[in-house]
Amino acid sequence: SFSVDHTRIVPGIFTSRVDTLGDYTVTTYDIRLKLPNREPAIDVAA
């Protein structure tokens, strides 16, 4: 996840990683709502 260029990412739905665990495959998705370091982060309570 640190190899993603956070200066160029836009909000969206991305595949972060795919892992095979024995007979199972699981996928981690990055559901990005905000532009990192370019707009305010989401309020913690929200």
ModelCIF file with pLDDT and N, C-alpha, C, O atoms, coordinates in Angstrom:
data_MODEL
#
_entry.id   MODEL 
#
_entity.id                         1 
_entity.type                       polymer 
_entity.pdbx_number_of_molecules   1 
#
_entity_poly.entity_id                      1 
_entity_poly.type                           'polypeptide(L)' 
_entity_poly.nstd_linkage                   no 
_entity_poly.nstd_monomer                   no 
_entity_poly.pdbx_seq_one_letter_code       SFSVDHTRIVPGIFTSRVDTLGDYTVTTYDIRLKLPNREPAIDVAA 
_entity_poly.pdbx_seq_one_letter_code_can   SFSVDHTRIVPGIFTSRVDTLGDYTVTTYDIRLKLPNREPAIDVAA 
_entity_poly.pdbx_strand_id                 A 
#
loop_
_entity_poly_seq.entity_id 
_entity_poly_seq.num 
_entity_poly_seq.mon_id 
_entity_poly_seq.hetero 
1 1  SER n 
1 2  PHE n 
1 3  SER n 
1 4  VAL n 
1 5  ASP n 
1 6  HIS n 
1 7  THR n 
1 8  ARG n 
1 9  ILE n 
1 10 VAL n 
1 11 PRO n 
1 12 GLY n 
1 13 ILE n 
1 14 PHE n 
1 15 THR n 
1 16 SER n 
1 17 ARG n 
1 18 VAL n 
1 19 ASP n 
1 20 THR n 
1 21 LEU n 
1 22 GLY n 
1 23 ASP n 
1 24 TYR n 
1 25 THR n 
1 26 VAL n 
1 27 THR n 
1 28 THR n 
1 29 TYR n 
1 30 ASP n 
1 31 ILE n 
1 32 ARG n 
1 33 LEU n 
1 34 LYS n 
1 35 LEU n 
1 36 PRO n 
1 37 ASN n 
1 38 ARG n 
1 39 GLU n 
1 40 PRO n 
1 41 ALA n 
1 42 ILE n 
1 43 ASP n 
1 44 VAL n 
1 45 ALA n 
1 46 ALA n 
#
_struct_asym.id          A 
_struct_asym.entity_id   1 
#
loop_
_ma_qa_metric.id 
_ma_qa_metric.mode 
_ma_qa_metric.name 
_ma_qa_metric.software_group_id 
_ma_qa_metric.type 
1 global pLDDT . pLDDT 
2 local  pLDDT . pLDDT 
#
_ma_qa_metric_global.metric_id      1 
_ma_qa_metric_global.metric_value   91.57 
_ma_qa_metric_global.model_id       1 
_ma_qa_metric_global.ordinal_id     1 
#
loop_
_ma_qa_metric_local.label_asym_id 
_ma_qa_metric_local.label_comp_id 
_ma_qa_metric_local.label_seq_id 
_ma_qa_metric_local.metric_id 
_ma_qa_metric_local.metric_value 
_ma_qa_metric_local.model_id 
_ma_qa_metric_local.ordinal_id 
A SER 1  2 62.00 1 1  
A PHE 2  2 63.00 1 2  
A SER 3  2 65.00 1 3  
A VAL 4  2 74.00 1 4  
A ASP 5  2 77.00 1 5  
A HIS 6  2 82.00 1 6  
A THR 7  2 83.00 1 7  
A ARG 8  2 84.00 1 8  
A ILE 9  2 90.00 1 9  
A VAL 10 2 93.00 1 10 
A PRO 11 2 96.00 1 11 
A GLY 12 2 97.00 1 12 
A ILE 13 2 98.00 1 13 
A PHE 14 2 96.00 1 14 
A THR 15 2 95.00 1 15 
A SER 16 2 93.00 1 16 
A ARG 17 2 93.00 1 17 
A VAL 18 2 95.00 1 18 
A ASP 19 2 95.00 1 19 
A THR 20 2 95.00 1 20 
A LEU 21 2 88.00 1 21 
A GLY 22 2 91.00 1 22 
A ASP 23 2 93.00 1 23 
A TYR 24 2 93.00 1 24 
A THR 25 2 97.00 1 25 
A VAL 26 2 97.00 1 26 
A THR 27 2 97.00 1 27 
A THR 28 2 96.00 1 28 
A TYR 29 2 97.00 1 29 
A ASP 30 2 97.00 1 30 
A ILE 31 2 98.00 1 31 
A ARG 32 2 97.00 1 32 
A LEU 33 2 98.00 1 33 
A LYS 34 2 98.00 1 34 
A LEU 35 2 94.00 1 35 
A PRO 36 2 92.00 1 36 
A ASN 37 2 93.00 1 37 
A ARG 38 2 94.00 1 38 
A GLU 39 2 95.00 1 39 
A PRO 40 2 95.00 1 40 
A ALA 41 2 96.00 1 41 
A ILE 42 2 98.00 1 42 
A ASP 43 2 98.00 1 43 
A VAL 44 2 98.00 1 44 
A ALA 45 2 98.00 1 45 
A ALA 46 2 98.00 1 46 
#
loop_
_atom_site.group_PDB 
_atom_site.id 
_atom_site.type_symbol 
_atom_site.label_atom_id 
_atom_site.label_alt_id 
_atom_site.label_comp_id 
_atom_site.label_asym_id 
_atom_site.label_entity_id 
_atom_site.label_seq_id 
_atom_site.pdbx_PDB_ins_code 
_atom_site.Cartn_x 
_atom_site.Cartn_y 
_atom_site.Cartn_z 
_atom_site.occupancy 
_atom_site.B_iso_or_equiv 
_atom_site.pdbx_formal_charge 
_atom_site.auth_seq_id 
_atom_site.auth_comp_id 
_atom_site.auth_asym_id 
_atom_site.auth_atom_id 
_atom_site.pdbx_PDB_model_num 
ATOM 1   N N  . SER A 1 1  ? 0.823   -1.223  0.000  1.00 62.00 ? 1  SER A N  1 
ATOM 2   C CA . SER A 1 1  ? 0.000   0.000   0.000  1.00 62.00 ? 1  SER A CA 1 
ATOM 3   C C  . SER A 1 1  ? 0.852   1.267   0.000  1.00 62.00 ? 1  SER A C  1 
ATOM 4   O O  . SER A 1 1  ? 0.359   2.338   -0.356 1.00 62.00 ? 1  SER A O  1 
ATOM 5   N N  . PHE A 1 2  ? 2.115   1.164   0.391  1.00 63.00 ? 2  PHE A N  1 
ATOM 6   C CA . PHE A 1 2  ? 2.991   2.328   0.358  1.00 63.00 ? 2  PHE A CA 1 
ATOM 7   C C  . PHE A 1 2  ? 3.637   2.523   -1.012 1.00 63.00 ? 2  PHE A C  1 
ATOM 8   O O  . PHE A 1 2  ? 4.348   3.505   -1.226 1.00 63.00 ? 2  PHE A O  1 
ATOM 9   N N  . SER A 1 3  ? 3.395   1.594   -1.943 1.00 65.00 ? 3  SER A N  1 
ATOM 10  C CA . SER A 1 3  ? 3.945   1.762   -3.282 1.00 65.00 ? 3  SER A CA 1 
ATOM 11  C C  . SER A 1 3  ? 2.997   2.523   -4.203 1.00 65.00 ? 3  SER A C  1 
ATOM 12  O O  . SER A 1 3  ? 3.321   2.780   -5.363 1.00 65.00 ? 3  SER A O  1 
ATOM 13  N N  . VAL A 1 4  ? 1.834   2.879   -3.684 1.00 74.00 ? 4  VAL A N  1 
ATOM 14  C CA . VAL A 1 4  ? 0.874   3.672   -4.451 1.00 74.00 ? 4  VAL A CA 1 
ATOM 15  C C  . VAL A 1 4  ? 1.298   5.129   -4.379 1.00 74.00 ? 4  VAL A C  1 
ATOM 16  O O  . VAL A 1 4  ? 1.634   5.629   -3.305 1.00 74.00 ? 4  VAL A O  1 
ATOM 17  N N  . ASP A 1 5  ? 1.285   5.801   -5.501 1.00 77.00 ? 5  ASP A N  1 
ATOM 18  C CA . ASP A 1 5  ? 1.664   7.212   -5.525 1.00 77.00 ? 5  ASP A CA 1 
ATOM 19  C C  . ASP A 1 5  ? 0.506   8.046   -4.971 1.00 77.00 ? 5  ASP A C  1 
ATOM 20  O O  . ASP A 1 5  ? -0.445  8.357   -5.688 1.00 77.00 ? 5  ASP A O  1 
ATOM 21  N N  . HIS A 1 6  ? 0.598   8.397   -3.705 1.00 82.00 ? 6  HIS A N  1 
ATOM 22  C CA . HIS A 1 6  ? -0.459  9.143   -3.026 1.00 82.00 ? 6  HIS A CA 1 
ATOM 23  C C  . HIS A 1 6  ? -0.575  10.587  -3.502 1.00 82.00 ? 6  HIS A C  1 
ATOM 24  O O  . HIS A 1 6  ? -1.534  11.275  -3.154 1.00 82.00 ? 6  HIS A O  1 
ATOM 25  N N  . THR A 1 7  ? 0.380   11.048  -4.285 1.00 83.00 ? 7  THR A N  1 
ATOM 26  C CA . THR A 1 7  ? 0.265   12.411  -4.839 1.00 83.00 ? 7  THR A CA 1 
ATOM 27  C C  . THR A 1 7  ? -0.591  12.407  -6.104 1.00 83.00 ? 7  THR A C  1 
ATOM 28  O O  . THR A 1 7  ? -0.993  13.468  -6.582 1.00 83.00 ? 7  THR A O  1 
ATOM 29  N N  . ARG A 1 8  ? -0.875  11.210  -6.655 1.00 84.00 ? 8  ARG A N  1 
ATOM 30  C CA . ARG A 1 8  ? -1.641  11.128  -7.901 1.00 84.00 ? 8  ARG A CA 1 
ATOM 31  C C  . ARG A 1 8  ? -2.944  10.358  -7.775 1.00 84.00 ? 8  ARG A C  1 
ATOM 32  O O  . ARG A 1 8  ? -3.750  10.367  -8.706 1.00 84.00 ? 8  ARG A O  1 
ATOM 33  N N  . ILE A 1 9  ? -3.172  9.695   -6.656 1.00 90.00 ? 9  ILE A N  1 
ATOM 34  C CA . ILE A 1 9  ? -4.390  8.894   -6.509 1.00 90.00 ? 9  ILE A CA 1 
ATOM 35  C C  . ILE A 1 9  ? -5.610  9.809   -6.421 1.00 90.00 ? 9  ILE A C  1 
ATOM 36  O O  . ILE A 1 9  ? -5.545  10.904  -5.862 1.00 90.00 ? 9  ILE A O  1 
ATOM 37  N N  . VAL A 1 10 ? -6.699  9.345   -6.972 1.00 93.00 ? 10 VAL A N  1 
ATOM 38  C CA . VAL A 1 10 ? -7.971  10.061  -6.905 1.00 93.00 ? 10 VAL A CA 1 
ATOM 39  C C  . VAL A 1 10 ? -8.951  9.201   -6.117 1.00 93.00 ? 10 VAL A C  1 
ATOM 40  O O  . VAL A 1 10 ? -8.702  8.010   -5.927 1.00 93.00 ? 10 VAL A O  1 
ATOM 41  N N  . PRO A 1 11 ? -10.045 9.770   -5.659 1.00 96.00 ? 11 PRO A N  1 
ATOM 42  C CA . PRO A 1 11 ? -11.057 8.918   -5.027 1.00 96.00 ? 11 PRO A CA 1 
ATOM 43  C C  . PRO A 1 11 ? -11.510 7.827   -6.000 1.00 96.00 ? 11 PRO A C  1 
ATOM 44  O O  . PRO A 1 11 ? -11.596 8.050   -7.207 1.00 96.00 ? 11 PRO A O  1 
ATOM 45  N N  . GLY A 1 12 ? -11.795 6.658   -5.457 1.00 97.00 ? 12 GLY A N  1 
ATOM 46  C CA . GLY A 1 12 ? -12.233 5.560   -6.309 1.00 97.00 ? 12 GLY A CA 1 
ATOM 47  C C  . GLY A 1 12 ? -12.214 4.225   -5.600 1.00 97.00 ? 12 GLY A C  1 
ATOM 48  O O  . GLY A 1 12 ? -12.168 4.150   -4.372 1.00 97.00 ? 12 GLY A O  1 
ATOM 49  N N  . ILE A 1 13 ? -12.249 3.172   -6.400 1.00 98.00 ? 13 ILE A N  1 
ATOM 50  C CA . ILE A 1 13 ? -12.297 1.787   -5.934 1.00 98.00 ? 13 ILE A CA 1 
ATOM 51  C C  . ILE A 1 13 ? -11.115 1.067   -6.580 1.00 98.00 ? 13 ILE A C  1 
ATOM 52  O O  . ILE A 1 13 ? -11.073 0.914   -7.801 1.00 98.00 ? 13 ILE A O  1 
ATOM 53  N N  . PHE A 1 14 ? -10.167 0.630   -5.775 1.00 96.00 ? 14 PHE A N  1 
ATOM 54  C CA . PHE A 1 14 ? -8.923  0.064   -6.306 1.00 96.00 ? 14 PHE A CA 1 
ATOM 55  C C  . PHE A 1 14 ? -8.623  -1.292  -5.665 1.00 96.00 ? 14 PHE A C  1 
ATOM 56  O O  . PHE A 1 14 ? -9.017  -1.557  -4.529 1.00 96.00 ? 14 PHE A O  1 
ATOM 57  N N  . THR A 1 15 ? -7.925  -2.136  -6.407 1.00 95.00 ? 15 THR A N  1 
ATOM 58  C CA . THR A 1 15 ? -7.402  -3.360  -5.820 1.00 95.00 ? 15 THR A CA 1 
ATOM 59  C C  . THR A 1 15 ? -6.096  -3.004  -5.124 1.00 95.00 ? 15 THR A C  1 
ATOM 60  O O  . THR A 1 15 ? -5.144  -2.545  -5.755 1.00 95.00 ? 15 THR A O  1 
ATOM 61  N N  . SER A 1 16 ? -6.069  -3.220  -3.822 1.00 93.00 ? 16 SER A N  1 
ATOM 62  C CA . SER A 1 16 ? -4.865  -2.938  -3.050 1.00 93.00 ? 16 SER A CA 1 
ATOM 63  C C  . SER A 1 16 ? -3.916  -4.128  -3.069 1.00 93.00 ? 16 SER A C  1 
ATOM 64  O O  . SER A 1 16 ? -2.710  -3.966  -3.251 1.00 93.00 ? 16 SER A O  1 
ATOM 65  N N  . ARG A 1 17 ? -4.469  -5.328  -2.880 1.00 93.00 ? 17 ARG A N  1 
ATOM 66  C CA . ARG A 1 17 ? -3.640  -6.533  -2.901 1.00 93.00 ? 17 ARG A CA 1 
ATOM 67  C C  . ARG A 1 17 ? -4.524  -7.757  -3.064 1.00 93.00 ? 17 ARG A C  1 
ATOM 68  O O  . ARG A 1 17 ? -5.707  -7.738  -2.724 1.00 93.00 ? 17 ARG A O  1 
ATOM 69  N N  . VAL A 1 18 ? -3.933  -8.818  -3.587 1.00 95.00 ? 18 VAL A N  1 
ATOM 70  C CA . VAL A 1 18 ? -4.601  -10.110 -3.731 1.00 95.00 ? 18 VAL A CA 1 
ATOM 71  C C  . VAL A 1 18 ? -3.722  -11.128 -3.030 1.00 95.00 ? 18 VAL A C  1 
ATOM 72  O O  . VAL A 1 18 ? -2.523  -11.219 -3.294 1.00 95.00 ? 18 VAL A O  1 
ATOM 73  N N  . ASP A 1 19 ? -4.328  -11.891 -2.136 1.00 95.00 ? 19 ASP A N  1 
ATOM 74  C CA . ASP A 1 19 ? -3.586  -12.891 -1.373 1.00 95.00 ? 19 ASP A CA 1 
ATOM 75  C C  . ASP A 1 19 ? -4.218  -14.262 -1.536 1.00 95.00 ? 19 ASP A C  1 
ATOM 76  O O  . ASP A 1 19 ? -5.442  -14.394 -1.561 1.00 95.00 ? 19 ASP A O  1 
ATOM 77  N N  . THR A 1 20 ? -3.385  -15.270 -1.645 1.00 95.00 ? 20 THR A N  1 
ATOM 78  C CA . THR A 1 20 ? -3.858  -16.649 -1.658 1.00 95.00 ? 20 THR A CA 1 
ATOM 79  C C  . THR A 1 20 ? -3.510  -17.249 -0.309 1.00 95.00 ? 20 THR A C  1 
ATOM 80  O O  . THR A 1 20 ? -2.350  -17.267 0.104  1.00 95.00 ? 20 THR A O  1 
ATOM 81  N N  . LEU A 1 21 ? -4.529  -17.735 0.362  1.00 88.00 ? 21 LEU A N  1 
ATOM 82  C CA . LEU A 1 21 ? -4.377  -18.339 1.683  1.00 88.00 ? 21 LEU A CA 1 
ATOM 83  C C  . LEU A 1 21 ? -4.854  -19.779 1.588  1.00 88.00 ? 21 LEU A C  1 
ATOM 84  O O  . LEU A 1 21 ? -6.046  -20.058 1.717  1.00 88.00 ? 21 LEU A O  1 
ATOM 85  N N  . GLY A 1 22 ? -3.928  -20.677 1.364  1.00 91.00 ? 22 GLY A N  1 
ATOM 86  C CA . GLY A 1 22 ? -4.321  -22.073 1.151  1.00 91.00 ? 22 GLY A CA 1 
ATOM 87  C C  . GLY A 1 22 ? -5.126  -22.185 -0.130 1.00 91.00 ? 22 GLY A C  1 
ATOM 88  O O  . GLY A 1 22 ? -4.648  -21.835 -1.209 1.00 91.00 ? 22 GLY A O  1 
ATOM 89  N N  . ASP A 1 23 ? -6.357  -22.678 -0.004 1.00 93.00 ? 23 ASP A N  1 
ATOM 90  C CA . ASP A 1 23 ? -7.231  -22.845 -1.160 1.00 93.00 ? 23 ASP A CA 1 
ATOM 91  C C  . ASP A 1 23 ? -8.054  -21.588 -1.451 1.00 93.00 ? 23 ASP A C  1 
ATOM 92  O O  . ASP A 1 23 ? -8.842  -21.570 -2.396 1.00 93.00 ? 23 ASP A O  1 
ATOM 93  N N  . TYR A 1 24 ? -7.877  -20.545 -0.649 1.00 93.00 ? 24 TYR A N  1 
ATOM 94  C CA . TYR A 1 24 ? -8.711  -19.353 -0.781 1.00 93.00 ? 24 TYR A CA 1 
ATOM 95  C C  . TYR A 1 24 ? -7.920  -18.170 -1.323 1.00 93.00 ? 24 TYR A C  1 
ATOM 96  O O  . TYR A 1 24 ? -6.732  -18.009 -1.043 1.00 93.00 ? 24 TYR A O  1 
ATOM 97  N N  . THR A 1 25 ? -8.603  -17.359 -2.095 1.00 97.00 ? 25 THR A N  1 
ATOM 98  C CA . THR A 1 25 ? -8.051  -16.088 -2.544 1.00 97.00 ? 25 THR A CA 1 
ATOM 99  C C  . THR A 1 25 ? -8.892  -14.992 -1.917 1.00 97.00 ? 25 THR A C  1 
ATOM 100 O O  . THR A 1 25 ? -10.122 -15.047 -1.930 1.00 97.00 ? 25 THR A O  1 
ATOM 101 N N  . VAL A 1 26 ? -8.218  -14.005 -1.374 1.00 97.00 ? 26 VAL A N  1 
ATOM 102 C CA . VAL A 1 26 ? -8.917  -12.836 -0.829 1.00 97.00 ? 26 VAL A CA 1 
ATOM 103 C C  . VAL A 1 26 ? -8.315  -11.590 -1.462 1.00 97.00 ? 26 VAL A C  1 
ATOM 104 O O  . VAL A 1 26 ? -7.122  -11.530 -1.758 1.00 97.00 ? 26 VAL A O  1 
ATOM 105 N N  . THR A 1 27 ? -9.172  -10.604 -1.658 1.00 97.00 ? 27 THR A N  1 
ATOM 106 C CA . THR A 1 27 ? -8.735  -9.353  -2.268 1.00 97.00 ? 27 THR A CA 1 
ATOM 107 C C  . THR A 1 27 ? -9.035  -8.211  -1.326 1.00 97.00 ? 27 THR A C  1 
ATOM 108 O O  . THR A 1 27 ? -10.138 -8.096  -0.790 1.00 97.00 ? 27 THR A O  1 
ATOM 109 N N  . THR A 1 28 ? -8.033  -7.363  -1.130 1.00 96.00 ? 28 THR A N  1 
ATOM 110 C CA . THR A 1 28 ? -8.202  -6.143  -0.348 1.00 96.00 ? 28 THR A CA 1 
ATOM 111 C C  . THR A 1 28 ? -8.405  -4.998  -1.317 1.00 96.00 ? 28 THR A C  1 
ATOM 112 O O  . THR A 1 28 ? -7.599  -4.777  -2.221 1.00 96.00 ? 28 THR A O  1 
ATOM 113 N N  . TYR A 1 29 ? -9.497  -4.272  -1.115 1.00 97.00 ? 29 TYR A N  1 
ATOM 114 C CA . TYR A 1 29 ? -9.822  -3.122  -1.955 1.00 97.00 ? 29 TYR A CA 1 
ATOM 115 C C  . TYR A 1 29 ? -9.598  -1.835  -1.175 1.00 97.00 ? 29 TYR A C  1 
ATOM 116 O O  . TYR A 1 29 ? -9.892  -1.760  0.018  1.00 97.00 ? 29 TYR A O  1 
ATOM 117 N N  . ASP A 1 30 ? -9.088  -0.851  -1.843 1.00 97.00 ? 30 ASP A N  1 
ATOM 118 C CA . ASP A 1 30 ? -8.905  0.497   -1.326 1.00 97.00 ? 30 ASP A CA 1 
ATOM 119 C C  . ASP A 1 30 ? -10.112 1.293   -1.806 1.00 97.00 ? 30 ASP A C  1 
ATOM 120 O O  . ASP A 1 30 ? -10.256 1.552   -3.001 1.00 97.00 ? 30 ASP A O  1 
ATOM 121 N N  . ILE A 1 31 ? -10.968 1.676   -0.884 1.00 98.00 ? 31 ILE A N  1 
ATOM 122 C CA . ILE A 1 31 ? -12.140 2.488   -1.208 1.00 98.00 ? 31 ILE A CA 1 
ATOM 123 C C  . ILE A 1 31 ? -11.786 3.905   -0.773 1.00 98.00 ? 31 ILE A C  1 
ATOM 124 O O  . ILE A 1 31 ? -11.981 4.279   0.383  1.00 98.00 ? 31 ILE A O  1 
ATOM 125 N N  . ARG A 1 32 ? -11.269 4.677   -1.702 1.00 97.00 ? 32 ARG A N  1 
ATOM 126 C CA . ARG A 1 32 ? -10.665 5.984   -1.404 1.00 97.00 ? 32 ARG A CA 1 
ATOM 127 C C  . ARG A 1 32 ? -11.679 7.102   -1.616 1.00 97.00 ? 32 ARG A C  1 
ATOM 128 O O  . ARG A 1 32 ? -12.159 7.310   -2.730 1.00 97.00 ? 32 ARG A O  1 
ATOM 129 N N  . LEU A 1 33 ? -12.003 7.822   -0.537 1.00 98.00 ? 33 LEU A N  1 
ATOM 130 C CA . LEU A 1 33 ? -12.985 8.899   -0.608 1.00 98.00 ? 33 LEU A CA 1 
ATOM 131 C C  . LEU A 1 33 ? -12.361 10.272  -0.802 1.00 98.00 ? 33 LEU A C  1 
ATOM 132 O O  . LEU A 1 33 ? -12.996 11.172  -1.352 1.00 98.00 ? 33 LEU A O  1 
ATOM 133 N N  . LYS A 1 34 ? -11.134 10.436  -0.358 1.00 98.00 ? 34 LYS A N  1 
ATOM 134 C CA . LYS A 1 34 ? -10.497 11.759  -0.364 1.00 98.00 ? 34 LYS A CA 1 
ATOM 135 C C  . LYS A 1 34 ? -9.136  11.723  -1.055 1.00 98.00 ? 34 LYS A C  1 
ATOM 136 O O  . LYS A 1 34 ? -8.483  10.680  -1.110 1.00 98.00 ? 34 LYS A O  1 
ATOM 137 N N  . LEU A 1 35 ? -8.722  12.860  -1.575 1.00 94.00 ? 35 LEU A N  1 
ATOM 138 C CA . LEU A 1 35 ? -7.394  13.021  -2.153 1.00 94.00 ? 35 LEU A CA 1 
ATOM 139 C C  . LEU A 1 35 ? -6.380  13.108  -1.011 1.00 94.00 ? 35 LEU A C  1 
ATOM 140 O O  . LEU A 1 35 ? -6.405  14.081  -0.256 1.00 94.00 ? 35 LEU A O  1 
ATOM 141 N N  . PRO A 1 36 ? -5.501  12.138  -0.861 1.00 92.00 ? 36 PRO A N  1 
ATOM 142 C CA . PRO A 1 36 ? -4.539  12.185  0.245  1.00 92.00 ? 36 PRO A CA 1 
ATOM 143 C C  . PRO A 1 36 ? -3.655  13.420  0.177  1.00 92.00 ? 36 PRO A C  1 
ATOM 144 O O  . PRO A 1 36 ? -3.155  13.782  -0.889 1.00 92.00 ? 36 PRO A O  1 
ATOM 145 N N  . ASN A 1 37 ? -3.472  14.048  1.296  1.00 93.00 ? 37 ASN A N  1 
ATOM 146 C CA . ASN A 1 37 ? -2.569  15.193  1.462  1.00 93.00 ? 37 ASN A CA 1 
ATOM 147 C C  . ASN A 1 37 ? -2.973  16.424  0.654  1.00 93.00 ? 37 ASN A C  1 
ATOM 148 O O  . ASN A 1 37 ? -2.239  17.412  0.630  1.00 93.00 ? 37 ASN A O  1 
ATOM 149 N N  . ARG A 1 38 ? -4.131  16.379  -0.008 1.00 94.00 ? 38 ARG A N  1 
ATOM 150 C CA . ARG A 1 38 ? -4.557  17.512  -0.820 1.00 94.00 ? 38 ARG A CA 1 
ATOM 151 C C  . ARG A 1 38 ? -5.911  18.058  -0.409 1.00 94.00 ? 38 ARG A C  1 
ATOM 152 O O  . ARG A 1 38 ? -6.278  19.162  -0.811 1.00 94.00 ? 38 ARG A O  1 
ATOM 153 N N  . GLU A 1 39 ? -6.651  17.317  0.375  1.00 95.00 ? 39 GLU A N  1 
ATOM 154 C CA . GLU A 1 39 ? -7.903  17.812  0.921  1.00 95.00 ? 39 GLU A CA 1 
ATOM 155 C C  . GLU A 1 39 ? -8.048  17.248  2.327  1.00 95.00 ? 39 GLU A C  1 
ATOM 156 O O  . GLU A 1 39 ? -7.402  16.256  2.665  1.00 95.00 ? 39 GLU A O  1 
ATOM 157 N N  . PRO A 1 40 ? -8.878  17.861  3.139  1.00 95.00 ? 40 PRO A N  1 
ATOM 158 C CA . PRO A 1 40 ? -8.992  17.388  4.526  1.00 95.00 ? 40 PRO A CA 1 
ATOM 159 C C  . PRO A 1 40 ? -9.427  15.926  4.608  1.00 95.00 ? 40 PRO A C  1 
ATOM 160 O O  . PRO A 1 40 ? -10.245 15.455  3.818  1.00 95.00 ? 40 PRO A O  1 
ATOM 161 N N  . ALA A 1 41 ? -8.860  15.229  5.579  1.00 96.00 ? 41 ALA A N  1 
ATOM 162 C CA . ALA A 1 41 ? -9.266  13.852  5.848  1.00 96.00 ? 41 ALA A CA 1 
ATOM 163 C C  . ALA A 1 41 ? -10.703 13.854  6.359  1.00 96.00 ? 41 ALA A C  1 
ATOM 164 O O  . ALA A 1 41 ? -11.255 14.897  6.709  1.00 96.00 ? 41 ALA A O  1 
ATOM 165 N N  . ILE A 1 42 ? -11.286 12.683  6.393  1.00 98.00 ? 42 ILE A N  1 
ATOM 166 C CA . ILE A 1 42 ? -12.657 12.528  6.868  1.00 98.00 ? 42 ILE A CA 1 
ATOM 167 C C  . ILE A 1 42 ? -12.688 12.712  8.379  1.00 98.00 ? 42 ILE A C  1 
ATOM 168 O O  . ILE A 1 42 ? -11.822 12.208  9.094  1.00 98.00 ? 42 ILE A O  1 
ATOM 169 N N  . ASP A 1 43 ? -13.681 13.430  8.852  1.00 98.00 ? 43 ASP A N  1 
ATOM 170 C CA . ASP A 1 43 ? -13.887 13.639  10.286 1.00 98.00 ? 43 ASP A CA 1 
ATOM 171 C C  . ASP A 1 43 ? -13.920 12.278  10.997 1.00 98.00 ? 43 ASP A C  1 
ATOM 172 O O  . ASP A 1 43 ? -14.566 11.344  10.520 1.00 98.00 ? 43 ASP A O  1 
ATOM 173 N N  . VAL A 1 44 ? -13.236 12.169  12.116 1.00 98.00 ? 44 VAL A N  1 
ATOM 174 C CA . VAL A 1 44 ? -13.094 10.886  12.814 1.00 98.00 ? 44 VAL A CA 1 
ATOM 175 C C  . VAL A 1 44 ? -14.446 10.306  13.219 1.00 98.00 ? 44 VAL A C  1 
ATOM 176 O O  . VAL A 1 44 ? -14.692 9.117   13.014 1.00 98.00 ? 44 VAL A O  1 
ATOM 177 N N  . ALA A 1 45 ? -15.321 11.124  13.788 1.00 98.00 ? 45 ALA A N  1 
ATOM 178 C CA . ALA A 1 45 ? -16.631 10.627  14.222 1.00 98.00 ? 45 ALA A CA 1 
ATOM 179 C C  . ALA A 1 45 ? -17.479 10.187  13.028 1.00 98.00 ? 45 ALA A C  1 
ATOM 180 O O  . ALA A 1 45 ? -18.203 9.195   13.113 1.00 98.00 ? 45 ALA A O  1 
ATOM 181 N N  . ALA A 1 46 ? -17.391 10.917  11.925 1.00 98.00 ? 46 ALA A N  1 
ATOM 182 C CA . ALA A 1 46 ? -18.127 10.532  10.715 1.00 98.00 ? 46 ALA A CA 1 
ATOM 183 C C  . ALA A 1 46 ? -17.553 9.227   10.148 1.00 98.00 ? 46 ALA A C  1 
ATOM 184 O O  . ALA A 1 46 ? -18.035 8.732   9.129  1.00 98.00 ? 46 ALA A O  1 
#
